[in-house]
Amino acid sequence: MLSHIIEQIERELTWVKSLIEDHLKIKAGYLGSFANLELSPVNQNIRPALVILSSRIYGNVTEKTVVLASVFQFIYMAANVQRGVSESDTETFGIPEDPSIGSQFPVLVGDYLYGKFFSLLSEAGMLTLLSPIAEIICNMHEGGIMKQKLKSQTSPTRALRDAIQKESAELFGGCCSLSAQLAGAPVVDQKTMRRFGKSLGMAYGLLEEGMKAEHAAPYLLEAKEALHLIPCKPERLWLEKLVCNLSGQGLAACRMVI
């Protein structure tokens, strides 16, 4: 799904991954030793790729673009770590099975990753993005709470959509709109990019949760319609290809190895 696109932005993605890896090394050791940071190839790349491609539609990729891509990936990683917290974490990472400790390490790792969004924005002089990204994080937490409540429901489809709208849709929307803003896109285009990202995020989130492709189809159509309103650049065509691949491959596209 992403292999052809990654080839076009490989240099920028390598830059993002290098920045992320540098911040995963702390005095106590590598953060992956304390929490599960493993991601599928698609989830390693799709959010940074959206930031980079959206930025390139309206300008060049700069150091600030790379910082923004890293910030969104840290936010996703933090949410993913804390979503997976359970008592089994104590066995997986060799933490003593002490009720007072529980899953403390993964929670702390998640908090550290969330904290990186503030420090990176501050160091890069990008504090104007602090408020919208903080709002995205709050929405994601609300969506996470909603998902936890779903476990007790027998017909959770509508509630699942609402949760995904708070999580994947918000994050994808931010990736696309804030990177466009950073690159100098007109306000109307920033809104269009947000619409595209949210629609794509809804479809991606539904497919990740195991929903049938028919549930994702309306959102993918909305994403295509939004793309037709932005400048026709090679990057727009790559985003269109991404949408088409999700339309044709469904869940397999979300899980496939690059």
C-alpha atoms as a PDB file:
ATOM      1  CA  MET A   1       0.000   0.000   0.000  1.00  0.00           C
ATOM      2  CA  LEU A   2       2.712   2.478   0.963  1.00  0.00           C
ATOM      3  CA  SER A   3       5.792   1.061  -0.729  1.00  0.00           C
ATOM      4  CA  HIS A   4       5.631   3.218  -3.870  1.00  0.00           C
ATOM      5  CA  ILE A   5       4.870   6.350  -1.862  1.00  0.00           C
ATOM      6  CA  ILE A   6       7.691   5.650   0.587  1.00  0.00           C
ATOM      7  CA  GLU A   7      10.148   5.452  -2.279  1.00  0.00           C
ATOM      8  CA  GLN A   8       9.253   9.033  -3.200  1.00  0.00           C
ATOM      9  CA  ILE A   9       9.800  10.412   0.312  1.00  0.00           C
ATOM     10  CA  GLU A  10      12.365   7.963   1.656  1.00  0.00           C
ATOM     11  CA  ARG A  11      14.895  10.655   2.544  1.00  0.00           C
ATOM     12  CA  GLU A  12      12.375  12.611   4.629  1.00  0.00           C
ATOM     13  CA  LEU A  13      11.059   9.478   6.350  1.00  0.00           C
ATOM     14  CA  THR A  14      14.599   8.432   7.237  1.00  0.00           C
ATOM     15  CA  TRP A  15      15.103  11.861   8.780  1.00  0.00           C
ATOM     16  CA  VAL A  16      11.944  11.402  10.876  1.00  0.00           C
ATOM     17  CA  LYS A  17      12.912   7.903  12.007  1.00  0.00           C
ATOM     18  CA  SER A  18      16.386   9.077  12.998  1.00  0.00           C
ATOM     19  CA  LEU A  19      14.931  11.868  15.137  1.00  0.00           C
ATOM     20  CA  ILE A  20      12.504   9.464  16.806  1.00  0.00           C
ATOM     21  CA  GLU A  21      15.187   6.860  17.523  1.00  0.00           C
ATOM     22  CA  ASP A  22      17.422   9.489  19.129  1.00  0.00           C
ATOM     23  CA  HIS A  23      14.666  10.355  21.587  1.00  0.00           C
ATOM     24  CA  LEU A  24      13.917   6.724  22.455  1.00  0.00           C
ATOM     25  CA  LYS A  25      17.327   6.424  24.114  1.00  0.00           C
ATOM     26  CA  ILE A  26      17.359   7.689  27.693  1.00  0.00           C
ATOM     27  CA  LYS A  27      19.730   7.233  30.641  1.00  0.00           C
ATOM     28  CA  ALA A  28      17.724   4.263  31.914  1.00  0.00           C
ATOM     29  CA  GLY A  29      18.098   2.524  28.550  1.00  0.00           C
ATOM     30  CA  TYR A  30      16.135   2.065  25.349  1.00  0.00           C
ATOM     31  CA  LEU A  31      12.421   2.742  25.881  1.00  0.00           C
ATOM     32  CA  GLY A  32      11.539  -0.407  23.964  1.00  0.00           C
ATOM     33  CA  SER A  33      12.957  -2.355  26.918  1.00  0.00           C
ATOM     34  CA  PHE A  34      10.209  -1.024  29.181  1.00  0.00           C
ATOM     35  CA  ALA A  35       7.181  -1.068  26.875  1.00  0.00           C
ATOM     36  CA  ASN A  36       6.185  -2.642  23.587  1.00  0.00           C
ATOM     37  CA  LEU A  37       7.009  -0.119  20.857  1.00  0.00           C
ATOM     38  CA  GLU A  38       6.679  -2.575  17.959  1.00  0.00           C
ATOM     39  CA  LEU A  39       4.489  -1.297  15.117  1.00  0.00           C
ATOM     40  CA  SER A  40       3.409  -2.733  11.795  1.00  0.00           C
ATOM     41  CA  PRO A  41       5.296  -1.300   8.799  1.00  0.00           C
ATOM     42  CA  VAL A  42       2.204   0.658   7.794  1.00  0.00           C
ATOM     43  CA  ASN A  43       1.802   2.211  11.237  1.00  0.00           C
ATOM     44  CA  GLN A  44       5.489   3.079  11.296  1.00  0.00           C
ATOM     45  CA  ASN A  45       5.075   5.200   8.193  1.00  0.00           C
ATOM     46  CA  ILE A  46       1.555   6.337   7.400  1.00  0.00           C
ATOM     47  CA  ARG A  47       1.298   9.307   9.796  1.00  0.00           C
ATOM     48  CA  PRO A  48       4.739  10.777   9.017  1.00  0.00           C
ATOM     49  CA  ALA A  49       4.012  10.189   5.321  1.00  0.00           C
ATOM     50  CA  LEU A  50       0.786  12.202   5.549  1.00  0.00           C
ATOM     51  CA  VAL A  51       2.662  15.088   7.164  1.00  0.00           C
ATOM     52  CA  ILE A  52       5.419  15.046   4.548  1.00  0.00           C
ATOM     53  CA  LEU A  53       3.125  14.710   1.532  1.00  0.00           C
ATOM     54  CA  SER A  54       0.730  17.403   2.757  1.00  0.00           C
ATOM     55  CA  SER A  55       3.654  19.745   3.312  1.00  0.00           C
ATOM     56  CA  ARG A  56       5.145  19.062  -0.115  1.00  0.00           C
ATOM     57  CA  ILE A  57       1.891  19.961  -1.840  1.00  0.00           C
ATOM     58  CA  TYR A  58       2.282  23.527  -0.551  1.00  0.00           C
ATOM     59  CA  GLY A  59       6.034  23.927  -0.201  1.00  0.00           C
ATOM     60  CA  ASN A  60       9.277  22.252   0.726  1.00  0.00           C
ATOM     61  CA  VAL A  61       9.899  19.832   3.572  1.00  0.00           C
ATOM     62  CA  THR A  62      11.900  21.643   6.241  1.00  0.00           C
ATOM     63  CA  GLU A  63      13.290  20.714   9.637  1.00  0.00           C
ATOM     64  CA  LYS A  64      10.011  21.903  11.159  1.00  0.00           C
ATOM     65  CA  THR A  65       8.102  19.501   8.908  1.00  0.00           C
ATOM     66  CA  VAL A  66      10.232  16.636  10.195  1.00  0.00           C
ATOM     67  CA  VAL A  67       9.648  17.745  13.787  1.00  0.00           C
ATOM     68  CA  LEU A  68       5.883  17.834  13.189  1.00  0.00           C
ATOM     69  CA  ALA A  69       5.939  14.363  11.625  1.00  0.00           C
ATOM     70  CA  SER A  70       7.892  13.078  14.634  1.00  0.00           C
ATOM     71  CA  VAL A  71       5.475  14.736  17.058  1.00  0.00           C
ATOM     72  CA  PHE A  72       2.463  13.023  15.504  1.00  0.00           C
ATOM     73  CA  GLN A  73       4.270   9.684  15.504  1.00  0.00           C
ATOM     74  CA  PHE A  74       5.198  10.097  19.179  1.00  0.00           C
ATOM     75  CA  ILE A  75       1.554  10.843  19.972  1.00  0.00           C
ATOM     76  CA  TYR A  76       0.434   7.714  18.129  1.00  0.00           C
ATOM     77  CA  MET A  77       3.108   5.604  19.847  1.00  0.00           C
ATOM     78  CA  ALA A  78       2.116   6.954  23.265  1.00  0.00           C
ATOM     79  CA  ALA A  79      -1.551   6.156  22.698  1.00  0.00           C
ATOM     80  CA  ASN A  80      -0.664   2.709  21.387  1.00  0.00           C
ATOM     81  CA  VAL A  81       1.530   1.897  24.397  1.00  0.00           C
ATOM     82  CA  GLN A  82      -1.030   3.015  26.953  1.00  0.00           C
ATOM     83  CA  ARG A  83      -3.883   1.307  25.104  1.00  0.00           C
ATOM     84  CA  GLY A  84      -2.021  -1.976  25.446  1.00  0.00           C
ATOM     85  CA  VAL A  85      -1.372  -1.673  29.175  1.00  0.00           C
ATOM     86  CA  SER A  86      -2.424  -4.822  31.035  1.00  0.00           C
ATOM     87  CA  GLU A  87      -1.168  -7.052  33.788  1.00  0.00           C
ATOM     88  CA  SER A  88       0.630  -9.152  31.179  1.00  0.00           C
ATOM     89  CA  ASP A  89       3.038  -6.259  30.673  1.00  0.00           C
ATOM     90  CA  THR A  90       4.646  -7.084  33.997  1.00  0.00           C
ATOM     91  CA  GLU A  91       5.654 -10.515  32.725  1.00  0.00           C
ATOM     92  CA  THR A  92       6.632  -9.397  29.232  1.00  0.00           C
ATOM     93  CA  PHE A  93       9.173  -6.864  30.406  1.00  0.00           C
ATOM     94  CA  GLY A  94      10.394  -8.636  33.528  1.00  0.00           C
ATOM     95  CA  ILE A  95       8.769  -6.243  35.991  1.00  0.00           C
ATOM     96  CA  PRO A  96       8.118  -7.831  39.408  1.00  0.00           C
ATOM     97  CA  GLU A  97       4.560  -9.023  39.799  1.00  0.00           C
ATOM     98  CA  ASP A  98       3.826  -6.559  42.576  1.00  0.00           C
ATOM     99  CA  PRO A  99       0.288  -5.114  42.651  1.00  0.00           C
ATOM    100  CA  SER A 100       1.705  -1.762  43.731  1.00  0.00           C
ATOM    101  CA  ILE A 101       3.749  -1.612  40.508  1.00  0.00           C
ATOM    102  CA  GLY A 102       1.270  -3.099  38.050  1.00  0.00           C
ATOM    103  CA  SER A 103       1.835  -1.741  34.552  1.00  0.00           C
ATOM    104  CA  GLN A 104       3.735   1.310  35.687  1.00  0.00           C
ATOM    105  CA  PHE A 105       6.576   1.135  33.157  1.00  0.00           C
ATOM    106  CA  PRO A 106       4.390   1.201  30.013  1.00  0.00           C
ATOM    107  CA  VAL A 107       2.328   4.029  31.509  1.00  0.00           C
ATOM    108  CA  LEU A 108       5.489   6.016  32.228  1.00  0.00           C
ATOM    109  CA  VAL A 109       6.811   5.353  28.730  1.00  0.00           C
ATOM    110  CA  GLY A 110       3.523   6.592  27.277  1.00  0.00           C
ATOM    111  CA  ASP A 111       3.720   9.734  29.412  1.00  0.00           C
ATOM    112  CA  TYR A 112       7.292  10.316  28.249  1.00  0.00           C
ATOM    113  CA  LEU A 113       6.270   9.997  24.598  1.00  0.00           C
ATOM    114  CA  TYR A 114       3.375  12.417  25.089  1.00  0.00           C
ATOM    115  CA  GLY A 115       5.768  14.851  26.750  1.00  0.00           C
ATOM    116  CA  LYS A 116       7.970  14.802  23.681  1.00  0.00           C
ATOM    117  CA  PHE A 117       5.321  16.643  21.688  1.00  0.00           C
ATOM    118  CA  PHE A 118       5.732  19.711  23.906  1.00  0.00           C
ATOM    119  CA  SER A 119       9.525  19.660  24.127  1.00  0.00           C
ATOM    120  CA  LEU A 120      10.019  19.160  20.379  1.00  0.00           C
ATOM    121  CA  LEU A 121       7.605  21.945  19.460  1.00  0.00           C
ATOM    122  CA  SER A 122       9.270  24.234  21.986  1.00  0.00           C
ATOM    123  CA  GLU A 123      12.800  23.530  20.761  1.00  0.00           C
ATOM    124  CA  ALA A 124      11.755  24.069  17.136  1.00  0.00           C
ATOM    125  CA  GLY A 125       9.949  27.349  17.863  1.00  0.00           C
ATOM    126  CA  MET A 126       6.584  25.889  16.860  1.00  0.00           C
ATOM    127  CA  LEU A 127       4.516  26.774  19.932  1.00  0.00           C
ATOM    128  CA  THR A 128       1.683  28.121  17.772  1.00  0.00           C
ATOM    129  CA  LEU A 129       0.826  24.463  17.086  1.00  0.00           C
ATOM    130  CA  LEU A 130       0.747  23.590  20.780  1.00  0.00           C
ATOM    131  CA  SER A 131      -2.948  24.350  21.287  1.00  0.00           C
ATOM    132  CA  PRO A 132      -4.375  22.445  18.281  1.00  0.00           C
ATOM    133  CA  ILE A 133      -2.184  19.409  18.973  1.00  0.00           C
ATOM    134  CA  ALA A 134      -3.109  19.431  22.673  1.00  0.00           C
ATOM    135  CA  GLU A 135      -6.761  19.424  21.602  1.00  0.00           C
ATOM    136  CA  ILE A 136      -6.102  16.426  19.346  1.00  0.00           C
ATOM    137  CA  ILE A 137      -4.536  14.552  22.272  1.00  0.00           C
ATOM    138  CA  CYS A 138      -7.529  15.336  24.510  1.00  0.00           C
ATOM    139  CA  ASN A 139      -9.903  14.063  21.828  1.00  0.00           C
ATOM    140  CA  MET A 140      -7.838  10.895  21.450  1.00  0.00           C
ATOM    141  CA  HIS A 141      -8.015  10.227  25.180  1.00  0.00           C
ATOM    142  CA  GLU A 142     -11.782  10.712  25.065  1.00  0.00           C
ATOM    143  CA  GLY A 143     -11.964   8.267  22.166  1.00  0.00           C
ATOM    144  CA  GLY A 144      -9.883   5.772  24.128  1.00  0.00           C
ATOM    145  CA  ILE A 145     -12.296   5.982  27.049  1.00  0.00           C
ATOM    146  CA  MET A 146     -15.203   5.448  24.669  1.00  0.00           C
ATOM    147  CA  LYS A 147     -13.505   2.340  23.254  1.00  0.00           C
ATOM    148  CA  GLN A 148     -13.049   0.891  26.731  1.00  0.00           C
ATOM    149  CA  LYS A 149     -16.784   1.271  27.345  1.00  0.00           C
ATOM    150  CA  LEU A 150     -17.513  -0.593  24.096  1.00  0.00           C
ATOM    151  CA  LYS A 151     -16.353  -3.866  25.627  1.00  0.00           C
ATOM    152  CA  SER A 152     -19.632  -4.134  27.527  1.00  0.00           C
ATOM    153  CA  GLN A 153     -21.838  -3.394  24.504  1.00  0.00           C
ATOM    154  CA  THR A 154     -23.357  -5.983  22.186  1.00  0.00           C
ATOM    155  CA  SER A 155     -23.893  -3.699  19.136  1.00  0.00           C
ATOM    156  CA  PRO A 156     -21.077  -1.177  19.247  1.00  0.00           C
ATOM    157  CA  THR A 157     -20.943  -0.065  15.588  1.00  0.00           C
ATOM    158  CA  ARG A 158     -22.229   3.508  16.094  1.00  0.00           C
ATOM    159  CA  ALA A 159     -20.250   3.973  19.289  1.00  0.00           C
ATOM    160  CA  LEU A 160     -17.136   2.615  17.576  1.00  0.00           C
ATOM    161  CA  ARG A 161     -17.507   5.207  14.828  1.00  0.00           C
ATOM    162  CA  ASP A 162     -17.742   7.936  17.449  1.00  0.00           C
ATOM    163  CA  ALA A 163     -14.590   6.665  19.160  1.00  0.00           C
ATOM    164  CA  ILE A 164     -12.634   6.442  15.902  1.00  0.00           C
ATOM    165  CA  GLN A 165     -13.728   9.971  15.040  1.00  0.00           C
ATOM    166  CA  LYS A 166     -11.995  11.093  18.234  1.00  0.00           C
ATOM    167  CA  GLU A 167      -8.884   8.965  17.688  1.00  0.00           C
ATOM    168  CA  SER A 168      -7.679   8.053  14.189  1.00  0.00           C
ATOM    169  CA  ALA A 169      -9.727  10.711  12.412  1.00  0.00           C
ATOM    170  CA  GLU A 170      -8.474  13.532  14.640  1.00  0.00           C
ATOM    171  CA  LEU A 171      -4.861  12.412  14.370  1.00  0.00           C
ATOM    172  CA  PHE A 172      -4.920  11.985  10.581  1.00  0.00           C
ATOM    173  CA  GLY A 173      -6.737  15.304  10.237  1.00  0.00           C
ATOM    174  CA  GLY A 174      -4.044  17.047  12.256  1.00  0.00           C
ATOM    175  CA  CYS A 175      -1.256  15.421  10.253  1.00  0.00           C
ATOM    176  CA  CYS A 176      -2.667  16.816   7.019  1.00  0.00           C
ATOM    177  CA  SER A 177      -3.977  20.233   8.067  1.00  0.00           C
ATOM    178  CA  LEU A 178      -1.206  21.378  10.404  1.00  0.00           C
ATOM    179  CA  SER A 179       1.535  20.375   7.975  1.00  0.00           C
ATOM    180  CA  ALA A 180      -0.292  22.280   5.231  1.00  0.00           C
ATOM    181  CA  GLN A 181      -0.512  25.261   7.577  1.00  0.00           C
ATOM    182  CA  LEU A 182       3.197  25.001   8.340  1.00  0.00           C
ATOM    183  CA  ALA A 183       3.945  25.012   4.607  1.00  0.00           C
ATOM    184  CA  GLY A 184       1.924  28.189   4.048  1.00  0.00           C
ATOM    185  CA  ALA A 185      -1.282  26.754   2.574  1.00  0.00           C
ATOM    186  CA  PRO A 186      -4.302  29.093   2.357  1.00  0.00           C
ATOM    187  CA  VAL A 187      -6.792  28.689   5.204  1.00  0.00           C
ATOM    188  CA  VAL A 188      -9.398  27.182   2.876  1.00  0.00           C
ATOM    189  CA  ASP A 189      -6.894  24.531   1.797  1.00  0.00           C
ATOM    190  CA  GLN A 190      -5.960  23.809   5.411  1.00  0.00           C
ATOM    191  CA  LYS A 191      -9.619  23.042   6.066  1.00  0.00           C
ATOM    192  CA  THR A 192      -9.794  20.855   2.971  1.00  0.00           C
ATOM    193  CA  MET A 193      -6.701  18.937   4.063  1.00  0.00           C
ATOM    194  CA  ARG A 194      -8.246  18.456   7.493  1.00  0.00           C
ATOM    195  CA  ARG A 195     -11.402  17.110   5.876  1.00  0.00           C
ATOM    196  CA  PHE A 196      -9.308  14.727   3.775  1.00  0.00           C
ATOM    197  CA  GLY A 197      -7.277  13.537   6.763  1.00  0.00           C
ATOM    198  CA  LYS A 198     -10.306  13.000   8.989  1.00  0.00           C
ATOM    199  CA  SER A 199     -12.135  11.029   6.300  1.00  0.00           C
ATOM    200  CA  LEU A 200      -9.063   8.891   5.624  1.00  0.00           C
ATOM    201  CA  GLY A 201      -8.563   8.409   9.365  1.00  0.00           C
ATOM    202  CA  MET A 202     -12.155   7.270   9.792  1.00  0.00           C
ATOM    203  CA  ALA A 203     -11.780   4.674   7.050  1.00  0.00           C
ATOM    204  CA  TYR A 204      -8.397   3.502   8.316  1.00  0.00           C
ATOM    205  CA  GLY A 205      -9.631   3.261  11.898  1.00  0.00           C
ATOM    206  CA  LEU A 206     -12.718   1.263  10.938  1.00  0.00           C
ATOM    207  CA  LEU A 207     -10.664  -1.185   8.885  1.00  0.00           C
ATOM    208  CA  GLU A 208      -8.130  -1.564  11.700  1.00  0.00           C
ATOM    209  CA  GLU A 209     -10.972  -2.468  14.050  1.00  0.00           C
ATOM    210  CA  GLY A 210     -12.046  -5.252  11.717  1.00  0.00           C
ATOM    211  CA  MET A 211     -15.081  -3.549  10.217  1.00  0.00           C
ATOM    212  CA  LYS A 212     -16.161  -4.552   6.717  1.00  0.00           C
ATOM    213  CA  ALA A 213     -14.955  -2.451   3.793  1.00  0.00           C
ATOM    214  CA  GLU A 214     -18.510  -1.250   3.158  1.00  0.00           C
ATOM    215  CA  HIS A 215     -18.378   0.724   6.419  1.00  0.00           C
ATOM    216  CA  ALA A 216     -15.192   2.501   5.320  1.00  0.00           C
ATOM    217  CA  ALA A 217     -16.299   3.161   1.726  1.00  0.00           C
ATOM    218  CA  PRO A 218     -18.283   6.398   2.354  1.00  0.00           C
ATOM    219  CA  TYR A 219     -15.323   7.944   4.158  1.00  0.00           C
ATOM    220  CA  LEU A 220     -12.908   6.983   1.404  1.00  0.00           C
ATOM    221  CA  LEU A 221     -15.244   8.646  -1.098  1.00  0.00           C
ATOM    222  CA  GLU A 222     -15.217  11.808   1.031  1.00  0.00           C
ATOM    223  CA  ALA A 223     -11.413  11.677   1.106  1.00  0.00           C
ATOM    224  CA  LYS A 224     -11.257  11.455  -2.702  1.00  0.00           C
ATOM    225  CA  GLU A 225     -13.647  14.379  -3.067  1.00  0.00           C
ATOM    226  CA  ALA A 226     -11.527  16.514  -0.750  1.00  0.00           C
ATOM    227  CA  LEU A 227      -8.358  15.759  -2.714  1.00  0.00           C
ATOM    228  CA  HIS A 228      -9.968  17.078  -5.892  1.00  0.00           C
ATOM    229  CA  LEU A 229     -10.129  20.529  -4.262  1.00  0.00           C
ATOM    230  CA  ILE A 230      -6.398  20.930  -3.630  1.00  0.00           C
ATOM    231  CA  PRO A 231      -3.544  21.722  -6.065  1.00  0.00           C
ATOM    232  CA  CYS A 232      -2.798  18.956  -8.546  1.00  0.00           C
ATOM    233  CA  LYS A 233       0.735  18.016  -7.553  1.00  0.00           C
ATOM    234  CA  PRO A 234       2.485  14.611  -7.680  1.00  0.00           C
ATOM    235  CA  GLU A 235       1.949  14.339  -3.918  1.00  0.00           C
ATOM    236  CA  ARG A 236      -1.799  14.680  -4.376  1.00  0.00           C
ATOM    237  CA  LEU A 237      -1.722  11.819  -6.843  1.00  0.00           C
ATOM    238  CA  TRP A 238       0.176   9.677  -4.321  1.00  0.00           C
ATOM    239  CA  LEU A 239      -2.459  10.438  -1.703  1.00  0.00           C
ATOM    240  CA  GLU A 240      -5.137   9.443  -4.210  1.00  0.00           C
ATOM    241  CA  LYS A 241      -3.311   6.168  -4.764  1.00  0.00           C
ATOM    242  CA  LEU A 242      -3.279   5.582  -1.009  1.00  0.00           C
ATOM    243  CA  VAL A 243      -7.054   6.070  -0.857  1.00  0.00           C
ATOM    244  CA  CYS A 244      -7.595   3.769  -3.835  1.00  0.00           C
ATOM    245  CA  ASN A 245      -5.479   1.050  -2.251  1.00  0.00           C
ATOM    246  CA  LEU A 246      -7.527   1.205   0.930  1.00  0.00           C
ATOM    247  CA  SER A 247     -10.704   1.072  -1.151  1.00  0.00           C
ATOM    248  CA  GLY A 248      -9.567  -2.016  -3.013  1.00  0.00           C
ATOM    249  CA  GLN A 249      -7.776  -3.972  -0.298  1.00  0.00           C
ATOM    250  CA  GLY A 250      -9.685  -3.091   2.856  1.00  0.00           C
ATOM    251  CA  LEU A 251      -8.280  -4.530   6.056  1.00  0.00           C
ATOM    252  CA  ALA A 252      -5.443  -6.235   4.221  1.00  0.00           C
ATOM    253  CA  ALA A 253      -4.151  -2.817   3.181  1.00  0.00           C
ATOM    254  CA  CYS A 254      -3.906  -1.738   6.809  1.00  0.00           C
ATOM    255  CA  ARG A 255      -1.965  -4.832   7.820  1.00  0.00           C
ATOM    256  CA  MET A 256       0.143  -5.613   4.781  1.00  0.00           C
ATOM    257  CA  VAL A 257       3.901  -5.599   5.084  1.00  0.00           C
ATOM    258  CA  ILE A 258       5.704  -3.038   2.958  1.00  0.00           C
END
